[in-house]
C-alpha atoms as a PDB file:
ATOM      1  CA  MET A   1       0.121   0.017   0.151  1.00  0.00           C
ATOM      2  CA  SER A   2       1.266   3.755  -0.853  1.00  0.00           C
ATOM      3  CA  LEU A   3       0.151   6.982  -0.345  1.00  0.00           C
ATOM      4  CA  ASP A   4       0.395   9.304  -2.799  1.00  0.00           C
ATOM      5  CA  GLY A   5      -1.370  12.768  -2.167  1.00  0.00           C
ATOM      6  CA  SER A   6      -5.166  12.041  -1.510  1.00  0.00           C
ATOM      7  CA  GLN A   7      -4.653   8.529  -3.455  1.00  0.00           C
ATOM      8  CA  ALA A   8      -4.105   5.480  -1.942  1.00  0.00           C
ATOM      9  CA  TYR A   9      -2.399   2.404  -4.262  1.00  0.00           C
ATOM     10  CA  ILE A  10      -3.031  -1.269  -2.796  1.00  0.00           C
ATOM     11  CA  TYR A  11      -1.412  -3.860  -4.830  1.00  0.00           C
ATOM     12  CA  ALA A  12      -2.598  -7.400  -3.628  1.00  0.00           C
ATOM     13  CA  TRP A  13      -1.907 -10.944  -5.262  1.00  0.00           C
ATOM     14  CA  MET A  14      -4.125 -13.366  -4.814  1.00  0.00           C
ATOM     15  CA  GLU A  15      -5.014 -16.937  -6.137  1.00  0.00           C
ATOM     16  CA  ALA A  16      -6.920 -16.518  -9.544  1.00  0.00           C
ATOM     17  CA  ALA A  17      -9.919 -18.288  -8.117  1.00  0.00           C
ATOM     18  CA  VAL A  18     -10.294 -15.509  -5.105  1.00  0.00           C
ATOM     19  CA  LEU A  19     -10.004 -12.375  -7.495  1.00  0.00           C
ATOM     20  CA  ALA A  20     -12.857 -14.067  -9.713  1.00  0.00           C
ATOM     21  CA  ALA A  21     -14.943 -13.960  -6.887  1.00  0.00           C
ATOM     22  CA  CYS A  22     -14.663 -10.571  -6.549  1.00  0.00           C
ATOM     23  CA  PRO A  23     -17.076  -8.035  -8.068  1.00  0.00           C
ATOM     24  CA  PRO A  24     -15.858  -5.705 -10.655  1.00  0.00           C
ATOM     25  CA  GLY A  25     -14.246  -2.208  -9.250  1.00  0.00           C
ATOM     26  CA  GLU A  26     -16.479   1.008 -10.114  1.00  0.00           C
ATOM     27  CA  THR A  27     -14.736   3.940 -10.821  1.00  0.00           C
ATOM     28  CA  GLY A  28     -15.838   7.535  -9.748  1.00  0.00           C
ATOM     29  CA  LYS A  29     -14.483  10.379  -7.482  1.00  0.00           C
ATOM     30  CA  SER A  30     -16.140   8.755  -4.042  1.00  0.00           C
ATOM     31  CA  LYS A  31     -15.362   4.859  -5.299  1.00  0.00           C
ATOM     32  CA  ALA A  32     -12.527   3.059  -5.605  1.00  0.00           C
ATOM     33  CA  SER A  33     -11.184   1.698  -8.637  1.00  0.00           C
ATOM     34  CA  GLN A  34      -9.291  -1.538  -9.291  1.00  0.00           C
ATOM     35  CA  ALA A  35      -7.591  -3.110 -12.495  1.00  0.00           C
ATOM     36  CA  ARG A  36      -7.096  -6.849 -12.741  1.00  0.00           C
ATOM     37  CA  LEU A  37      -3.265  -7.471 -13.907  1.00  0.00           C
ATOM     38  CA  ALA A  38      -1.996 -10.978 -16.110  1.00  0.00           C
ATOM     39  CA  PRO A  39       1.503 -11.802 -15.695  1.00  0.00           C
ATOM     40  CA  ILE A  40       3.558 -11.342 -18.612  1.00  0.00           C
ATOM     41  CA  GLY A  41       6.926 -12.357 -17.252  1.00  0.00           C
ATOM     42  CA  GLU A  42       9.217 -12.693 -14.215  1.00  0.00           C
ATOM     43  CA  TRP A  43      12.689 -12.489 -12.970  1.00  0.00           C
ATOM     44  CA  GLN A  44      14.378 -13.706  -9.919  1.00  0.00           C
ATOM     45  CA  GLY A  45      16.958 -10.738  -9.008  1.00  0.00           C
ATOM     46  CA  THR A  46      20.670 -10.972  -7.916  1.00  0.00           C
ATOM     47  CA  SER A  47      19.606 -10.614  -4.422  1.00  0.00           C
ATOM     48  CA  ALA A  48      16.100 -13.317  -4.655  1.00  0.00           C
ATOM     49  CA  ALA A  49      17.881 -14.845  -1.289  1.00  0.00           C
ATOM     50  CA  ALA A  50      17.393 -11.365   0.735  1.00  0.00           C
ATOM     51  CA  GLU A  51      14.125  -9.924   2.638  1.00  0.00           C
ATOM     52  CA  ALA A  52      12.159  -7.703   0.220  1.00  0.00           C
ATOM     53  CA  PRO A  53      10.405  -5.081   2.596  1.00  0.00           C
ATOM     54  CA  TYR A  54       9.921  -2.919  -0.562  1.00  0.00           C
ATOM     55  CA  HIS A  55       8.093  -2.949  -3.774  1.00  0.00           C
ATOM     56  CA  TYR A  56       8.277  -0.515  -6.528  1.00  0.00           C
ATOM     57  CA  VAL A  57       5.879   0.140  -9.270  1.00  0.00           C
ATOM     58  CA  VAL A  58       6.165   1.342 -12.793  1.00  0.00           C
ATOM     59  CA  ALA A  59       2.969   1.599 -14.242  1.00  0.00           C
ATOM     60  CA  THR A  60       2.698   2.720 -18.122  1.00  0.00           C
ATOM     61  CA  ASP A  61       1.208   3.191 -21.632  1.00  0.00           C
ATOM     62  CA  VAL A  62       2.770   2.540 -24.634  1.00  0.00           C
ATOM     63  CA  ASP A  63       1.702   4.291 -28.585  1.00  0.00           C
ATOM     64  CA  ALA A  64       0.335   1.595 -29.780  1.00  0.00           C
ATOM     65  CA  GLU A  65       2.612   1.717 -33.287  1.00  0.00           C
ATOM     66  CA  ASN A  66       5.326   0.995 -30.840  1.00  0.00           C
ATOM     67  CA  GLU A  67       4.298  -1.565 -28.727  1.00  0.00           C
ATOM     68  CA  PHE A  68       5.684  -4.312 -30.190  1.00  0.00           C
ATOM     69  CA  ASP A  69       9.427  -2.650 -29.660  1.00  0.00           C
ATOM     70  CA  PHE A  70       8.263  -1.570 -26.290  1.00  0.00           C
ATOM     71  CA  ASN A  71       7.658  -5.007 -25.051  1.00  0.00           C
ATOM     72  CA  ARG A  72      10.541  -6.646 -27.107  1.00  0.00           C
ATOM     73  CA  TRP A  73      13.300  -4.173 -25.068  1.00  0.00           C
ATOM     74  CA  TYR A  74      11.580  -4.510 -21.828  1.00  0.00           C
ATOM     75  CA  ASP A  75      11.455  -8.194 -22.059  1.00  0.00           C
ATOM     76  CA  THR A  76      14.958  -8.701 -23.392  1.00  0.00           C
ATOM     77  CA  GLU A  77      17.079  -5.958 -22.125  1.00  0.00           C
ATOM     78  CA  HIS A  78      15.409  -4.027 -19.265  1.00  0.00           C
ATOM     79  CA  MET A  79      13.507  -6.160 -16.909  1.00  0.00           C
ATOM     80  CA  PRO A  80      16.928  -8.714 -17.094  1.00  0.00           C
ATOM     81  CA  GLY A  81      19.504  -5.972 -16.609  1.00  0.00           C
ATOM     82  CA  LEU A  82      17.049  -4.587 -13.644  1.00  0.00           C
ATOM     83  CA  ALA A  83      16.712  -7.544 -12.226  1.00  0.00           C
ATOM     84  CA  ALA A  84      20.758  -7.951 -12.115  1.00  0.00           C
ATOM     85  CA  VAL A  85      21.318  -4.641 -10.309  1.00  0.00           C
ATOM     86  CA  PRO A  86      22.406  -5.746  -6.461  1.00  0.00           C
ATOM     87  CA  GLY A  87      19.135  -5.461  -4.017  1.00  0.00           C
ATOM     88  CA  ALA A  88      16.420  -5.958  -6.336  1.00  0.00           C
ATOM     89  CA  VAL A  89      15.190  -9.526  -5.006  1.00  0.00           C
ATOM     90  CA  HIS A  90      12.149 -10.032  -8.225  1.00  0.00           C
ATOM     91  CA  CYS A  91      11.238  -8.428 -11.234  1.00  0.00           C
ATOM     92  CA  ALA A  92       7.567  -9.320 -12.721  1.00  0.00           C
ATOM     93  CA  ARG A  93       5.617  -7.575 -15.409  1.00  0.00           C
ATOM     94  CA  LEU A  94       1.951  -7.031 -15.683  1.00  0.00           C
ATOM     95  CA  THR A  95      -1.054  -5.718 -18.027  1.00  0.00           C
ATOM     96  CA  SER A  96      -4.647  -4.572 -17.147  1.00  0.00           C
ATOM     97  CA  SER A  97      -7.255  -5.437 -19.232  1.00  0.00           C
ATOM     98  CA  ASP A  98      -9.258  -3.102 -17.539  1.00  0.00           C
ATOM     99  CA  GLY A  99      -8.082   0.395 -18.983  1.00  0.00           C
ATOM    100  CA  GLY A 100      -5.326   2.161 -18.784  1.00  0.00           C
ATOM    101  CA  PRO A 101      -2.500   2.249 -17.797  1.00  0.00           C
ATOM    102  CA  ARG A 102      -1.649  -1.093 -19.121  1.00  0.00           C
ATOM    103  CA  TYR A 103       1.597  -1.957 -18.313  1.00  0.00           C
ATOM    104  CA  HIS A 104       3.028  -2.395 -15.039  1.00  0.00           C
ATOM    105  CA  ALA A 105       6.410  -3.416 -13.635  1.00  0.00           C
ATOM    106  CA  CYS A 106       6.888  -4.642 -10.254  1.00  0.00           C
ATOM    107  CA  TYR A 107       9.621  -5.054  -8.694  1.00  0.00           C
ATOM    108  CA  ASP A 108      10.566  -6.533  -4.788  1.00  0.00           C
ATOM    109  CA  LEU A 109      13.648  -4.625  -3.450  1.00  0.00           C
ATOM    110  CA  THR A 110      15.661  -4.781  -0.416  1.00  0.00           C
ATOM    111  CA  GLY A 111      15.320  -0.732  -0.293  1.00  0.00           C
ATOM    112  CA  PRO A 112      14.590   2.222  -1.584  1.00  0.00           C
ATOM    113  CA  GLU A 113      18.554   2.769  -1.816  1.00  0.00           C
ATOM    114  CA  VAL A 114      18.560   0.489  -4.775  1.00  0.00           C
ATOM    115  CA  LEU A 115      16.893   2.836  -7.115  1.00  0.00           C
ATOM    116  CA  ASP A 116      20.102   4.889  -7.056  1.00  0.00           C
ATOM    117  CA  CYS A 117      22.056   2.677  -9.113  1.00  0.00           C
ATOM    118  CA  ALA A 118      22.398   3.890 -12.910  1.00  0.00           C
ATOM    119  CA  GLU A 119      20.774   1.014 -14.156  1.00  0.00           C
ATOM    120  CA  TRP A 120      17.486   2.711 -12.276  1.00  0.00           C
ATOM    121  CA  ARG A 121      18.003   6.384 -13.418  1.00  0.00           C
ATOM    122  CA  SER A 122      18.766   6.067 -17.084  1.00  0.00           C
ATOM    123  CA  THR A 123      15.425   4.783 -18.106  1.00  0.00           C
ATOM    124  CA  HIS A 124      12.647   7.706 -18.623  1.00  0.00           C
ATOM    125  CA  PHE A 125       9.009   6.918 -19.410  1.00  0.00           C
ATOM    126  CA  ARG A 126       6.549   9.026 -20.694  1.00  0.00           C
ATOM    127  CA  ASN A 127       3.172   9.107 -18.647  1.00  0.00           C
ATOM    128  CA  ALA A 128       4.472   6.989 -16.181  1.00  0.00           C
ATOM    129  CA  ARG A 129       3.170   6.489 -12.995  1.00  0.00           C
ATOM    130  CA  ARG A 130       5.995   5.499 -10.296  1.00  0.00           C
ATOM    131  CA  ILE A 131       5.072   4.390  -6.411  1.00  0.00           C
ATOM    132  CA  MET A 132       7.112   2.854  -3.832  1.00  0.00           C
ATOM    133  CA  PHE A 133       5.663   0.318  -1.208  1.00  0.00           C
ATOM    134  CA  ARG A 134       6.440  -0.259   2.614  1.00  0.00           C
ATOM    135  CA  THR A 135       5.558  -3.948   2.738  1.00  0.00           C
ATOM    136  CA  LEU A 136       2.822  -3.999   5.640  1.00  0.00           C
ATOM    137  CA  LEU A 137       2.728  -7.807   6.523  1.00  0.00           C
ATOM    138  CA  ASP A 138       5.093 -10.127   6.829  1.00  0.00           C
ATOM    139  CA  GLU A 139       4.778 -12.958   4.783  1.00  0.00           C
ATOM    140  CA  ARG A 140       6.766 -13.648   1.230  1.00  0.00           C
ATOM    141  CA  ARG A 141       4.731 -12.923  -1.163  1.00  0.00           C
ATOM    142  CA  LEU A 142       3.375 -16.447  -3.586  1.00  0.00           C
ATOM    143  CA  ALA A 143       5.018 -17.215  -6.567  1.00  0.00           C
ATOM    144  CA  VAL A 144       3.409 -15.485  -9.712  1.00  0.00           C
ATOM    145  CA  SER A 145       0.272 -18.499 -11.021  1.00  0.00           C
ATOM    146  CA  SER A 146      -1.023 -18.380 -14.341  1.00  0.00           C
ATOM    147  CA  GLY A 147      -3.904 -16.410 -14.882  1.00  0.00           C
ATOM    148  CA  TYR A 148      -5.068 -13.545 -13.308  1.00  0.00           C
ATOM    149  CA  PHE A 149      -4.207 -11.920  -9.707  1.00  0.00           C
END
């Protein structure tokens, strides 16, 4: 969970069956909205054996004409490169079919100082929402399974 001004963001990893039982989200100023995210890929980080009390999320859209190249670059260069940064425990890419931003990159990190590495600072996206979460529960997240979560 993270606070961004007056808005709170909560990312929850769930089994597909649990999520399927949840009613669709409602949008509006006074109502919460939700997006169901499907996995695209995941990478174990260089620090895979370490605790990851921080969860960093980058949510972005990309123009349709650049989508193929964006996804190829993200999956073959960007995510493997970030997973190799010391302090990266686990990295995952997800996509939303419930609206934008369409792409979400989620990183389990040992601490916020990981973002000071040159690999993290060198990439600049347009229309990207970046959020750092501090883990509230002392539980390891479940492995990404197929389906929506």
